[in-house]
Amino acid sequence: MEHLRELRNRLLIALAAVVVGIIIGFFLFDPVWAFLKAPFCDTPAAQQLRVGQCTLTYNGIFQSFFLTLKVSALVGLVVSSPVWLYQIWAFVTPALYRNEKRYSITFMSIAVPLFLIGAALAYIIMDTSLAILLGFAPSDTVATIQIDEYLSYVLIMLVIFGISFELPLLLVFLNIIGVLSHATVKKHRRTVVFIMFVFGAVITPGGDPLTMMALAMPMIVLYFLAEGVIFLRERRAPAGDDFSGLSDDEASPLPEDGTPVEPSGLADEEPPGTDKR
């Protein structure tokens, strides 16, 4: 019951922070919307309806209100992220070992910049991608891009690129917990590179070659970087800690004095709540 009460309190604090962030988002709507709209405004189709003015359309009474709500919610989640991330961390931390806390802090400090780099790349290429997609329209037609449709496209691009840049971190994490070895990564290298190109072509909203290459090429570079980290980590690891070659029914070797071999990093760890006296 104590854990449930703590979870409820932390959820309420996180929710209150998000609500405050959404309120802030209402006041910041104009500059945020101008920032999100900028890639479309750099395309020739943006001025087809009104010359010299970037124009998007909407066709519902409530669509403009929901647009404001979506943008404000996006701002609220970003602004309040330190609060709700801390609440998640504070709830999970007591159940972790010291080495697990160290790893989780390291992963979080890398994951956030990787996501932001991916989202920034998506934003940079978005105007060119939109120009390519809208350029297929016949010359005697006018593009009437709806606000809701455009906002969905922008958010999908930012999220897809951001999450895709987390791939190397996932590979290193799987190696640390013993699920993935460098030999496996090296063996399937060509297959993974091919899958990344297919993934880039399928997952991007437009599916144009520029967006596909802009997503696939950085992922491939990050994949090779992750492979290098895994290789160096396995090379530096003590030889006695690698039991990956053993079958499920085979016992790990014992030293000459008969003392069981402890996995690296956990030998001197105590379970949470253990009182050393």
Protein backbone atom coordinates (compact mmCIF):
# COMPACT_ATOMS: atom_id res chain seq x y z
CA MET A 1 0.00 0.00 0.00
CA GLU A 2 2.88 2.36 0.74
CA HIS A 3 4.19 1.92 -2.81
CA LEU A 4 0.74 2.61 -4.27
CA ARG A 5 0.42 5.81 -2.25
CA GLU A 6 3.86 6.93 -3.38
CA LEU A 7 2.99 6.13 -7.00
CA ARG A 8 -0.27 8.09 -6.72
CA ASN A 9 1.48 11.12 -5.21
CA ARG A 10 4.19 11.14 -7.84
CA LEU A 11 1.63 10.79 -10.64
CA LEU A 12 -0.33 13.74 -9.24
CA ILE A 13 2.83 15.87 -9.08
CA ALA A 14 3.75 14.90 -12.65
CA LEU A 15 0.21 15.61 -13.89
CA ALA A 16 0.16 19.00 -12.16
CA ALA A 17 3.49 19.89 -13.80
CA VAL A 18 2.14 18.92 -17.23
CA VAL A 19 -1.00 21.04 -16.69
CA VAL A 20 1.14 24.04 -15.74
CA GLY A 21 3.27 23.40 -18.84
CA ILE A 22 0.15 23.31 -21.04
CA ILE A 23 -0.95 26.68 -19.61
CA ILE A 24 2.48 28.07 -20.44
CA GLY A 25 2.10 26.55 -23.91
CA PHE A 26 -1.07 28.58 -24.52
CA PHE A 27 0.90 31.79 -23.99
CA LEU A 28 3.79 30.55 -26.15
CA PHE A 29 1.57 29.30 -28.97
CA ASP A 30 2.42 32.02 -31.52
CA PRO A 31 6.25 31.66 -31.47
CA VAL A 32 6.03 27.85 -31.26
CA TRP A 33 3.60 27.65 -34.17
CA ALA A 34 5.78 30.01 -36.22
CA PHE A 35 8.73 27.69 -35.54
CA LEU A 36 6.78 24.57 -36.55
CA LYS A 37 5.31 26.26 -39.64
CA ALA A 38 8.67 27.58 -40.93
CA PRO A 39 9.61 24.47 -43.01
CA PHE A 40 6.34 24.69 -44.95
CA CYS A 41 6.71 28.45 -45.43
CA ASP A 42 10.02 27.86 -47.22
CA THR A 43 8.28 25.86 -49.98
CA PRO A 44 6.77 27.44 -53.14
CA ALA A 45 3.38 25.86 -52.34
CA ALA A 46 3.05 27.98 -49.19
CA GLN A 47 2.24 31.12 -51.19
CA GLN A 48 -0.13 29.66 -53.76
CA LEU A 49 -3.30 30.84 -52.03
CA ARG A 50 -2.05 34.31 -51.03
CA VAL A 51 0.99 35.72 -52.78
CA GLY A 52 3.68 36.79 -50.33
CA GLN A 53 2.00 35.10 -47.35
CA CYS A 54 2.48 31.60 -45.92
CA THR A 55 -1.01 30.07 -45.78
CA LEU A 56 -2.43 26.86 -44.33
CA THR A 57 -6.14 26.01 -44.28
CA TYR A 58 -8.64 24.41 -41.92
CA ASN A 59 -12.18 23.21 -42.59
CA GLY A 60 -13.77 22.73 -39.19
CA ILE A 61 -15.17 24.99 -36.48
CA PHE A 62 -13.17 23.30 -33.72
CA GLN A 63 -10.05 22.47 -35.74
CA SER A 64 -8.24 25.69 -34.84
CA PHE A 65 -9.00 25.11 -31.14
CA PHE A 66 -7.65 21.56 -31.25
CA LEU A 67 -4.55 22.82 -33.05
CA THR A 68 -3.90 25.25 -30.20
CA LEU A 69 -4.51 22.45 -27.69
CA LYS A 70 -2.10 20.05 -29.45
CA VAL A 71 0.69 22.61 -29.69
CA SER A 72 0.15 23.65 -26.07
CA ALA A 73 0.23 20.00 -24.96
CA LEU A 74 3.48 19.50 -26.85
CA VAL A 75 5.01 22.54 -25.16
CA GLY A 76 3.64 21.38 -21.80
CA LEU A 77 5.27 17.95 -22.09
CA VAL A 78 8.61 19.49 -23.04
CA VAL A 79 8.54 22.23 -20.39
CA SER A 80 7.47 19.86 -17.60
CA SER A 81 9.79 17.01 -18.64
CA PRO A 82 12.33 17.66 -15.84
CA VAL A 83 9.55 17.24 -13.26
CA TRP A 84 7.88 14.07 -14.58
CA LEU A 85 11.20 12.47 -15.51
CA TYR A 86 12.42 13.09 -11.97
CA GLN A 87 9.23 11.60 -10.52
CA ILE A 88 9.72 8.44 -12.59
CA TRP A 89 13.37 8.28 -11.58
CA ALA A 90 12.65 8.84 -7.88
CA PHE A 91 10.03 6.06 -7.88
CA VAL A 92 12.25 3.50 -9.65
CA THR A 93 15.62 4.33 -8.02
CA PRO A 94 15.13 2.60 -4.63
CA ALA A 95 14.77 -0.79 -6.38
CA LEU A 96 18.05 -0.47 -8.31
CA TYR A 97 21.56 -1.58 -7.43
CA ARG A 98 24.35 1.00 -7.39
CA ASN A 99 25.75 -0.12 -10.74
CA GLU A 100 22.23 -0.09 -12.25
CA LYS A 101 21.76 3.50 -11.08
CA ARG A 102 25.07 4.43 -12.67
CA TYR A 103 24.12 2.81 -15.98
CA SER A 104 20.67 4.39 -16.04
CA ILE A 105 22.05 7.89 -15.44
CA THR A 106 24.59 7.37 -18.23
CA PHE A 107 21.93 6.10 -20.64
CA MET A 108 19.57 8.99 -19.89
CA SER A 109 22.35 11.55 -20.37
CA ILE A 110 23.05 10.06 -23.81
CA ALA A 111 19.45 9.25 -24.85
CA VAL A 112 18.14 12.81 -24.55
CA PRO A 113 20.84 14.43 -26.76
CA LEU A 114 20.48 11.63 -29.33
CA PHE A 115 16.73 12.19 -29.54
CA LEU A 116 17.21 15.96 -29.89
CA ILE A 117 19.84 15.49 -32.62
CA GLY A 118 17.48 13.24 -34.56
CA ALA A 119 14.58 15.67 -34.19
CA ALA A 120 16.82 18.58 -35.24
CA LEU A 121 17.90 16.71 -38.38
CA ALA A 122 14.25 16.06 -39.25
CA TYR A 123 13.47 19.76 -38.86
CA ILE A 124 16.42 20.81 -41.03
CA ILE A 125 15.49 18.60 -43.99
CA MET A 126 11.73 19.04 -43.66
CA ASP A 127 11.45 22.01 -46.04
CA THR A 128 13.33 20.18 -48.80
CA SER A 129 11.31 17.04 -48.20
CA LEU A 130 8.03 18.97 -48.39
CA ALA A 131 9.15 20.75 -51.56
CA ILE A 132 9.90 17.38 -53.20
CA LEU A 133 6.58 15.87 -52.18
CA LEU A 134 4.51 18.90 -53.18
CA GLY A 135 6.50 19.28 -56.40
CA PHE A 136 4.81 16.21 -57.90
CA ALA A 137 1.52 18.11 -58.16
CA PRO A 138 0.48 19.28 -61.66
CA SER A 139 1.24 22.91 -62.43
CA ASP A 140 -2.45 23.82 -62.80
CA THR A 141 -3.35 22.76 -59.23
CA VAL A 142 -3.24 24.61 -55.91
CA ALA A 143 -2.09 22.99 -52.67
CA THR A 144 -4.52 23.52 -49.78
CA ILE A 145 -2.63 21.96 -46.88
CA GLN A 146 -4.74 21.69 -43.74
CA ILE A 147 -3.29 22.77 -40.41
CA ASP A 148 -4.06 19.48 -38.66
CA GLU A 149 -2.55 17.39 -41.43
CA TYR A 150 0.62 19.46 -41.49
CA LEU A 151 1.06 19.40 -37.71
CA SER A 152 0.68 15.60 -37.70
CA TYR A 153 3.33 15.34 -40.42
CA VAL A 154 5.76 17.53 -38.44
CA LEU A 155 5.27 15.62 -35.17
CA ILE A 156 5.61 12.23 -36.88
CA MET A 157 8.85 13.30 -38.53
CA LEU A 158 10.33 14.67 -35.30
CA VAL A 159 9.38 11.60 -33.27
CA ILE A 160 10.50 9.06 -35.90
CA PHE A 161 13.90 10.66 -36.36
CA GLY A 162 14.35 11.15 -32.62
CA ILE A 163 13.50 7.56 -31.69
CA SER A 164 15.54 6.12 -34.59
CA PHE A 165 18.65 7.81 -33.24
CA GLU A 166 18.27 5.76 -30.04
CA LEU A 167 19.25 2.57 -31.91
CA PRO A 168 22.96 2.61 -30.97
CA LEU A 169 22.07 3.10 -27.32
CA LEU A 170 19.76 0.08 -27.47
CA LEU A 171 22.51 -2.07 -29.00
CA VAL A 172 25.02 -1.10 -26.31
CA PHE A 173 22.44 -1.73 -23.59
CA LEU A 174 21.69 -5.21 -24.93
CA ASN A 175 25.42 -5.92 -24.95
CA ILE A 176 25.83 -4.78 -21.35
CA ILE A 177 23.09 -7.08 -20.10
CA GLY A 178 24.57 -9.98 -22.08
CA VAL A 179 21.86 -10.37 -24.72
CA LEU A 180 23.89 -9.18 -27.72
CA SER A 181 27.56 -9.90 -28.50
CA HIS A 182 29.91 -8.19 -30.93
CA ALA A 183 30.12 -11.40 -32.96
CA THR A 184 26.35 -11.27 -33.53
CA VAL A 185 26.43 -7.58 -34.47
CA LYS A 186 29.27 -8.19 -36.93
CA LYS A 187 27.62 -11.28 -38.43
CA HIS A 188 24.36 -9.48 -39.26
CA ARG A 189 25.93 -6.13 -40.26
CA ARG A 190 24.94 -6.23 -43.95
CA THR A 191 21.42 -7.37 -43.17
CA VAL A 192 20.95 -4.57 -40.64
CA VAL A 193 22.20 -1.93 -43.11
CA PHE A 194 19.72 -3.17 -45.72
CA ILE A 195 16.89 -3.18 -43.16
CA MET A 196 17.74 0.41 -42.21
CA PHE A 197 17.24 1.57 -45.80
CA VAL A 198 13.94 -0.31 -45.99
CA PHE A 199 12.92 1.14 -42.62
CA GLY A 200 13.76 4.66 -43.82
CA ALA A 201 11.64 4.19 -46.94
CA VAL A 202 8.63 2.72 -45.12
CA ILE A 203 8.47 4.63 -41.85
CA THR A 204 8.86 8.22 -43.12
CA PRO A 205 5.50 9.85 -43.91
CA GLY A 206 6.45 11.05 -47.40
CA GLY A 207 8.66 8.16 -48.43
CA ASP A 208 10.75 10.41 -50.70
CA PRO A 209 14.39 9.44 -51.38
CA LEU A 210 15.83 12.46 -49.55
CA THR A 211 14.00 11.72 -46.30
CA MET A 212 14.83 8.01 -46.57
CA MET A 213 18.56 8.72 -47.02
CA ALA A 214 18.56 11.41 -44.31
CA LEU A 215 17.17 8.87 -41.85
CA ALA A 216 19.04 5.75 -42.98
CA MET A 217 22.57 7.17 -43.34
CA PRO A 218 22.89 8.62 -39.79
CA MET A 219 21.39 5.40 -38.38
CA ILE A 220 24.06 3.38 -40.22
CA VAL A 221 26.83 5.63 -38.92
CA LEU A 222 25.47 5.33 -35.37
CA TYR A 223 25.20 1.57 -35.83
CA PHE A 224 28.91 1.33 -36.66
CA LEU A 225 29.74 3.57 -33.71
CA ALA A 226 27.73 1.30 -31.42
CA GLU A 227 29.52 -1.72 -32.87
CA GLY A 228 32.85 -0.07 -32.09
CA VAL A 229 31.79 0.62 -28.50
CA ILE A 230 30.64 -2.99 -28.09
CA PHE A 231 33.94 -4.27 -29.54
CA LEU A 232 36.04 -2.12 -27.21
CA ARG A 233 33.90 -3.02 -24.22
CA GLU A 234 34.21 -6.77 -24.82
CA ARG A 235 37.95 -6.40 -25.39
CA ARG A 236 38.44 -4.61 -22.10
CA ALA A 237 36.16 -6.96 -20.13
CA PRO A 238 37.92 -9.62 -18.00
CA ALA A 239 38.11 -12.92 -19.85
CA GLY A 240 36.61 -14.80 -16.91
CA ASP A 241 33.38 -12.84 -17.06
CA ASP A 242 32.33 -14.02 -20.52
CA PHE A 243 30.03 -17.03 -20.22
CA SER A 244 28.15 -16.34 -23.46
CA GLY A 245 29.55 -19.52 -25.05
CA LEU A 246 28.02 -21.82 -22.45
CA SER A 247 24.83 -23.71 -23.12
CA ASP A 248 21.78 -23.30 -20.90
CA ASP A 249 22.54 -26.61 -19.13
CA GLU A 250 26.27 -26.01 -18.68
CA ALA A 251 27.60 -24.56 -15.42
CA SER A 252 30.03 -21.65 -15.44
CA PRO A 253 33.62 -22.58 -14.51
CA LEU A 254 34.82 -22.27 -10.91
CA PRO A 255 38.21 -20.94 -9.84
CA GLU A 256 40.73 -23.29 -8.24
CA ASP A 257 39.62 -22.42 -4.69
CA GLY A 258 36.04 -23.41 -5.53
CA THR A 259 34.57 -19.92 -5.03
CA PRO A 260 31.73 -19.19 -7.49
CA VAL A 261 32.54 -16.57 -10.11
CA GLU A 262 30.54 -13.38 -9.69
CA PRO A 263 29.43 -11.42 -12.80
CA SER A 264 31.46 -8.24 -13.22
CA GLY A 265 30.02 -5.16 -11.57
CA LEU A 266 27.76 -7.15 -9.23
CA ALA A 267 30.25 -8.94 -6.98
CA ASP A 268 30.40 -6.21 -4.37
CA GLU A 269 26.80 -5.05 -4.73
CA GLU A 270 24.22 -5.52 -2.03
CA PRO A 271 20.48 -5.84 -2.68
CA PRO A 272 18.40 -2.79 -1.84
CA GLY A 273 17.64 -2.50 1.84
CA THR A 274 20.54 -4.74 2.96
CA ASP A 275 22.05 -3.42 6.16
CA LYS A 276 25.82 -3.97 6.32
CA ARG A 277 27.03 -4.20 9.88
